[in-house]
Amino acid sequence: MKKLSIAERLGTVSYLNQSKQNPKPHIIVDTDICNSTCPHHCTTFVCPADCYKKDENGKVYFQFEDCIECGTCMYACDQGAVDWNYPDPEEGMGVKWNFG
């Protein structure tokens, strides 16, 4: 069996909101804080799903769709830009876990 890279493993994650017309984010990120007062943009380095990126001008942007709900950004952000609420599985949102 071929050993998968982290990127390949993340590609196997399935999401309950994949087929939803209007998926509701469980994370709201105030990128104005990221791009004005944050001195380090640490979320762009620590997110294993690569949901936080910098554009060619060095501005941070965020996409929740690939989030694996690990919570790393919630603890890494010390600027108050991340507002996190675990998705309600009854609404059909969030990661579809295979083992727990």
N, C-alpha and C. Protein backbone atom coordinates (compact mmCIF):
# COMPACT_ATOMS: atom_id res chain seq x y z
N MET A 1 0.84 -1.18 0.00
CA MET A 1 0.00 0.00 0.00
C MET A 1 0.89 1.25 0.00
N LYS A 2 0.59 2.18 -0.88
CA LYS A 2 1.35 3.41 -1.00
C LYS A 2 1.10 4.32 0.20
N LYS A 3 2.18 4.86 0.75
CA LYS A 3 2.05 5.80 1.86
C LYS A 3 1.65 7.16 1.30
N LEU A 4 0.56 7.71 1.81
CA LEU A 4 0.05 8.99 1.30
C LEU A 4 0.71 10.17 2.00
N SER A 5 0.92 11.24 1.25
CA SER A 5 1.43 12.48 1.83
C SER A 5 0.30 13.14 2.61
N ILE A 6 0.63 14.17 3.39
CA ILE A 6 -0.39 14.90 4.14
C ILE A 6 -1.43 15.48 3.17
N ALA A 7 -0.98 16.09 2.08
CA ALA A 7 -1.91 16.67 1.11
C ALA A 7 -2.84 15.61 0.53
N GLU A 8 -2.30 14.44 0.24
CA GLU A 8 -3.13 13.35 -0.30
C GLU A 8 -4.13 12.85 0.74
N ARG A 9 -3.69 12.77 1.99
CA ARG A 9 -4.61 12.35 3.06
C ARG A 9 -5.73 13.36 3.25
N LEU A 10 -5.39 14.64 3.24
CA LEU A 10 -6.41 15.68 3.37
C LEU A 10 -7.41 15.62 2.22
N GLY A 11 -6.94 15.20 1.06
CA GLY A 11 -7.81 15.08 -0.10
C GLY A 11 -8.86 13.98 0.04
N THR A 12 -8.66 13.09 1.00
CA THR A 12 -9.63 12.01 1.21
C THR A 12 -10.72 12.38 2.21
N VAL A 13 -10.59 13.52 2.86
CA VAL A 13 -11.59 13.95 3.84
C VAL A 13 -12.88 14.30 3.11
N SER A 14 -14.00 13.83 3.63
CA SER A 14 -15.28 14.21 3.04
C SER A 14 -16.03 15.10 4.02
N TYR A 15 -16.88 15.92 3.47
CA TYR A 15 -17.56 16.95 4.25
C TYR A 15 -19.07 16.80 4.09
N LEU A 16 -19.77 16.98 5.19
CA LEU A 16 -21.22 16.89 5.17
C LEU A 16 -21.84 18.05 4.38
N ASN A 17 -21.11 19.16 4.24
CA ASN A 17 -21.67 20.31 3.54
C ASN A 17 -21.25 20.38 2.07
N GLN A 18 -20.62 19.33 1.54
CA GLN A 18 -20.14 19.38 0.17
C GLN A 18 -21.24 19.61 -0.85
N SER A 19 -22.38 19.02 -0.64
CA SER A 19 -23.44 19.15 -1.64
C SER A 19 -24.46 20.23 -1.27
N LYS A 20 -24.20 20.98 -0.24
CA LYS A 20 -25.13 22.02 0.19
C LYS A 20 -25.03 23.25 -0.71
N GLN A 21 -26.17 23.86 -1.00
CA GLN A 21 -26.21 25.08 -1.79
C GLN A 21 -25.58 26.24 -1.05
N ASN A 22 -25.91 26.37 0.23
CA ASN A 22 -25.41 27.48 1.04
C ASN A 22 -24.78 26.96 2.32
N PRO A 23 -23.56 26.40 2.22
CA PRO A 23 -22.94 25.89 3.44
C PRO A 23 -22.70 27.02 4.43
N LYS A 24 -22.90 26.72 5.71
CA LYS A 24 -22.75 27.71 6.76
C LYS A 24 -21.39 27.53 7.41
N PRO A 25 -20.53 28.54 7.39
CA PRO A 25 -19.20 28.37 7.98
C PRO A 25 -19.27 28.25 9.50
N HIS A 26 -18.42 27.39 10.04
CA HIS A 26 -18.32 27.26 11.49
C HIS A 26 -17.20 28.14 12.04
N ILE A 27 -16.45 28.75 11.15
CA ILE A 27 -15.39 29.67 11.54
C ILE A 27 -15.62 30.98 10.79
N ILE A 28 -15.59 32.06 11.52
CA ILE A 28 -15.63 33.38 10.92
C ILE A 28 -14.28 34.03 11.22
N VAL A 29 -13.59 34.46 10.20
CA VAL A 29 -12.28 35.08 10.39
C VAL A 29 -12.35 36.53 9.94
N ASP A 30 -11.98 37.42 10.84
CA ASP A 30 -11.91 38.84 10.53
C ASP A 30 -10.55 39.12 9.90
N THR A 31 -10.47 38.97 8.58
CA THR A 31 -9.20 39.16 7.90
C THR A 31 -8.73 40.61 7.94
N ASP A 32 -9.62 41.55 8.30
CA ASP A 32 -9.16 42.92 8.50
C ASP A 32 -8.15 42.98 9.63
N ILE A 33 -8.39 42.20 10.69
CA ILE A 33 -7.42 42.13 11.79
C ILE A 33 -6.13 41.49 11.30
N CYS A 34 -6.25 40.40 10.54
CA CYS A 34 -5.07 39.72 10.02
C CYS A 34 -4.20 40.66 9.18
N ASN A 35 -4.86 41.49 8.42
CA ASN A 35 -4.15 42.33 7.46
C ASN A 35 -3.83 43.73 7.96
N SER A 36 -4.21 44.04 9.20
CA SER A 36 -3.90 45.39 9.70
C SER A 36 -3.02 45.36 10.95
N THR A 37 -3.40 44.57 11.95
CA THR A 37 -2.67 44.62 13.21
C THR A 37 -1.86 43.37 13.53
N CYS A 38 -2.11 42.26 12.86
CA CYS A 38 -1.40 41.02 13.16
C CYS A 38 0.05 41.10 12.66
N PRO A 39 1.02 40.91 13.55
CA PRO A 39 2.41 41.04 13.14
C PRO A 39 3.02 39.77 12.54
N HIS A 40 2.33 38.61 12.64
CA HIS A 40 3.00 37.36 12.26
C HIS A 40 2.23 36.46 11.30
N HIS A 41 0.92 36.64 11.15
CA HIS A 41 0.10 35.79 10.26
C HIS A 41 0.33 34.30 10.52
N CYS A 42 0.36 33.92 11.79
CA CYS A 42 0.71 32.54 12.15
C CYS A 42 -0.27 31.51 11.59
N THR A 43 -1.52 31.87 11.40
CA THR A 43 -2.47 30.88 10.90
C THR A 43 -2.11 30.39 9.50
N THR A 44 -1.40 31.23 8.74
CA THR A 44 -0.98 30.80 7.40
C THR A 44 0.11 29.75 7.46
N PHE A 45 0.73 29.59 8.62
CA PHE A 45 1.79 28.59 8.80
C PHE A 45 1.30 27.33 9.49
N VAL A 46 0.30 27.45 10.38
CA VAL A 46 -0.07 26.32 11.23
C VAL A 46 -1.26 25.50 10.74
N CYS A 47 -2.08 26.05 9.87
CA CYS A 47 -3.28 25.32 9.44
C CYS A 47 -2.90 24.12 8.57
N PRO A 48 -3.18 22.89 9.03
CA PRO A 48 -2.79 21.72 8.24
C PRO A 48 -3.60 21.56 6.96
N ALA A 49 -4.78 22.17 6.90
CA ALA A 49 -5.62 22.07 5.70
C ALA A 49 -5.38 23.23 4.73
N ASP A 50 -4.48 24.12 5.09
CA ASP A 50 -4.10 25.25 4.23
C ASP A 50 -5.29 26.17 3.92
N CYS A 51 -6.14 26.40 4.92
CA CYS A 51 -7.31 27.25 4.74
C CYS A 51 -6.96 28.74 4.79
N TYR A 52 -5.82 29.06 5.37
CA TYR A 52 -5.35 30.45 5.44
C TYR A 52 -4.22 30.60 4.46
N LYS A 53 -4.35 31.56 3.56
CA LYS A 53 -3.32 31.79 2.54
C LYS A 53 -3.02 33.27 2.43
N LYS A 54 -1.87 33.57 1.86
CA LYS A 54 -1.52 34.95 1.54
C LYS A 54 -1.53 35.11 0.03
N ASP A 55 -2.06 36.25 -0.43
CA ASP A 55 -2.03 36.50 -1.86
C ASP A 55 -0.69 37.13 -2.25
N GLU A 56 -0.57 37.51 -3.50
CA GLU A 56 0.70 38.05 -4.01
C GLU A 56 1.09 39.37 -3.35
N ASN A 57 0.14 40.03 -2.70
CA ASN A 57 0.42 41.28 -1.99
C ASN A 57 0.65 41.07 -0.50
N GLY A 58 0.65 39.81 -0.06
CA GLY A 58 0.88 39.50 1.35
C GLY A 58 -0.36 39.61 2.22
N LYS A 59 -1.54 39.77 1.59
CA LYS A 59 -2.79 39.85 2.34
C LYS A 59 -3.31 38.45 2.65
N VAL A 60 -3.77 38.26 3.88
CA VAL A 60 -4.31 36.97 4.31
C VAL A 60 -5.76 36.84 3.87
N TYR A 61 -6.11 35.68 3.35
CA TYR A 61 -7.52 35.37 3.11
C TYR A 61 -7.80 33.97 3.63
N PHE A 62 -9.06 33.67 3.81
CA PHE A 62 -9.47 32.44 4.47
C PHE A 62 -10.59 31.77 3.69
N GLN A 63 -10.54 30.43 3.64
CA GLN A 63 -11.64 29.64 3.06
C GLN A 63 -11.96 28.51 4.02
N PHE A 64 -13.20 28.41 4.44
CA PHE A 64 -13.58 27.42 5.44
C PHE A 64 -13.89 26.06 4.85
N GLU A 65 -14.10 25.97 3.57
CA GLU A 65 -14.61 24.74 2.96
C GLU A 65 -13.72 23.51 3.17
N ASP A 66 -12.41 23.69 3.27
CA ASP A 66 -11.50 22.55 3.42
C ASP A 66 -11.11 22.28 4.87
N CYS A 67 -11.69 23.00 5.81
CA CYS A 67 -11.33 22.90 7.22
C CYS A 67 -11.59 21.49 7.74
N ILE A 68 -10.63 20.97 8.51
CA ILE A 68 -10.78 19.64 9.10
C ILE A 68 -11.16 19.73 10.59
N GLU A 69 -11.50 20.91 11.05
CA GLU A 69 -11.99 21.15 12.41
C GLU A 69 -11.01 20.72 13.49
N CYS A 70 -9.72 20.95 13.24
CA CYS A 70 -8.71 20.55 14.22
C CYS A 70 -8.59 21.56 15.36
N GLY A 71 -8.97 22.82 15.11
CA GLY A 71 -8.92 23.85 16.15
C GLY A 71 -7.59 24.56 16.27
N THR A 72 -6.63 24.23 15.44
CA THR A 72 -5.30 24.85 15.53
C THR A 72 -5.36 26.36 15.42
N CYS A 73 -6.12 26.87 14.47
CA CYS A 73 -6.18 28.32 14.26
C CYS A 73 -6.79 29.02 15.46
N MET A 74 -7.74 28.37 16.11
CA MET A 74 -8.40 28.95 17.27
C MET A 74 -7.39 29.22 18.38
N TYR A 75 -6.44 28.33 18.55
CA TYR A 75 -5.42 28.50 19.59
C TYR A 75 -4.24 29.33 19.11
N ALA A 76 -3.92 29.26 17.84
CA ALA A 76 -2.76 29.98 17.32
C ALA A 76 -3.00 31.47 17.19
N CYS A 77 -4.22 31.86 16.85
CA CYS A 77 -4.51 33.28 16.65
C CYS A 77 -4.59 33.99 18.00
N ASP A 78 -3.66 34.90 18.22
CA ASP A 78 -3.64 35.67 19.47
C ASP A 78 -4.14 37.10 19.27
N GLN A 79 -4.75 37.35 18.12
CA GLN A 79 -5.20 38.70 17.78
C GLN A 79 -6.73 38.85 17.85
N GLY A 80 -7.44 37.76 18.10
CA GLY A 80 -8.90 37.82 18.19
C GLY A 80 -9.61 37.82 16.85
N ALA A 81 -8.95 37.34 15.81
CA ALA A 81 -9.54 37.35 14.47
C ALA A 81 -10.41 36.12 14.19
N VAL A 82 -10.24 35.06 14.97
CA VAL A 82 -10.93 33.80 14.69
C VAL A 82 -12.09 33.61 15.66
N ASP A 83 -13.29 33.47 15.11
CA ASP A 83 -14.48 33.16 15.89
C ASP A 83 -14.93 31.76 15.48
N TRP A 84 -14.85 30.82 16.39
CA TRP A 84 -15.02 29.41 16.08
C TRP A 84 -16.23 28.83 16.80
N ASN A 85 -17.07 28.12 16.08
CA ASN A 85 -18.18 27.36 16.66
C ASN A 85 -18.25 26.04 15.92
N TYR A 86 -18.11 24.93 16.65
CA TYR A 86 -18.19 23.64 15.97
C TYR A 86 -19.53 23.50 15.27
N PRO A 87 -19.51 22.98 14.04
CA PRO A 87 -20.77 22.84 13.30
C PRO A 87 -21.69 21.81 13.93
N ASP A 88 -22.97 22.02 13.75
CA ASP A 88 -23.98 21.12 14.27
C ASP A 88 -24.17 19.99 13.25
N PRO A 89 -23.79 18.76 13.61
CA PRO A 89 -23.95 17.66 12.65
C PRO A 89 -25.40 17.41 12.25
N GLU A 90 -26.34 17.83 13.10
CA GLU A 90 -27.75 17.66 12.78
C GLU A 90 -28.15 18.52 11.59
N GLU A 91 -27.42 19.61 11.36
CA GLU A 91 -27.70 20.48 10.21
C GLU A 91 -26.97 20.00 8.97
N GLY A 92 -26.16 18.95 9.11
CA GLY A 92 -25.44 18.42 7.96
C GLY A 92 -24.26 19.27 7.56
N MET A 93 -23.52 19.75 8.56
CA MET A 93 -22.35 20.57 8.28
C MET A 93 -21.11 19.93 8.90
N GLY A 94 -19.97 20.29 8.40
CA GLY A 94 -18.71 19.87 9.00
C GLY A 94 -18.12 18.61 8.39
N VAL A 95 -17.05 18.15 9.03
CA VAL A 95 -16.32 16.98 8.56
C VAL A 95 -17.12 15.72 8.84
N LYS A 96 -17.09 14.81 7.89
CA LYS A 96 -17.73 13.51 8.05
C LYS A 96 -16.67 12.54 8.57
N TRP A 97 -16.70 12.26 9.86
CA TRP A 97 -15.67 11.44 10.50
C TRP A 97 -15.96 9.97 10.28
N ASN A 98 -14.90 9.21 9.98
CA ASN A 98 -15.03 7.78 9.78
C ASN A 98 -14.85 6.99 11.07
N PHE A 99 -14.02 7.49 11.98
CA PHE A 99 -13.66 6.74 13.18
C PHE A 99 -13.91 7.54 14.44
N GLY A 100 -15.09 8.07 14.64
CA GLY A 100 -15.35 8.78 15.89
C GLY A 100 -16.03 10.08 15.71
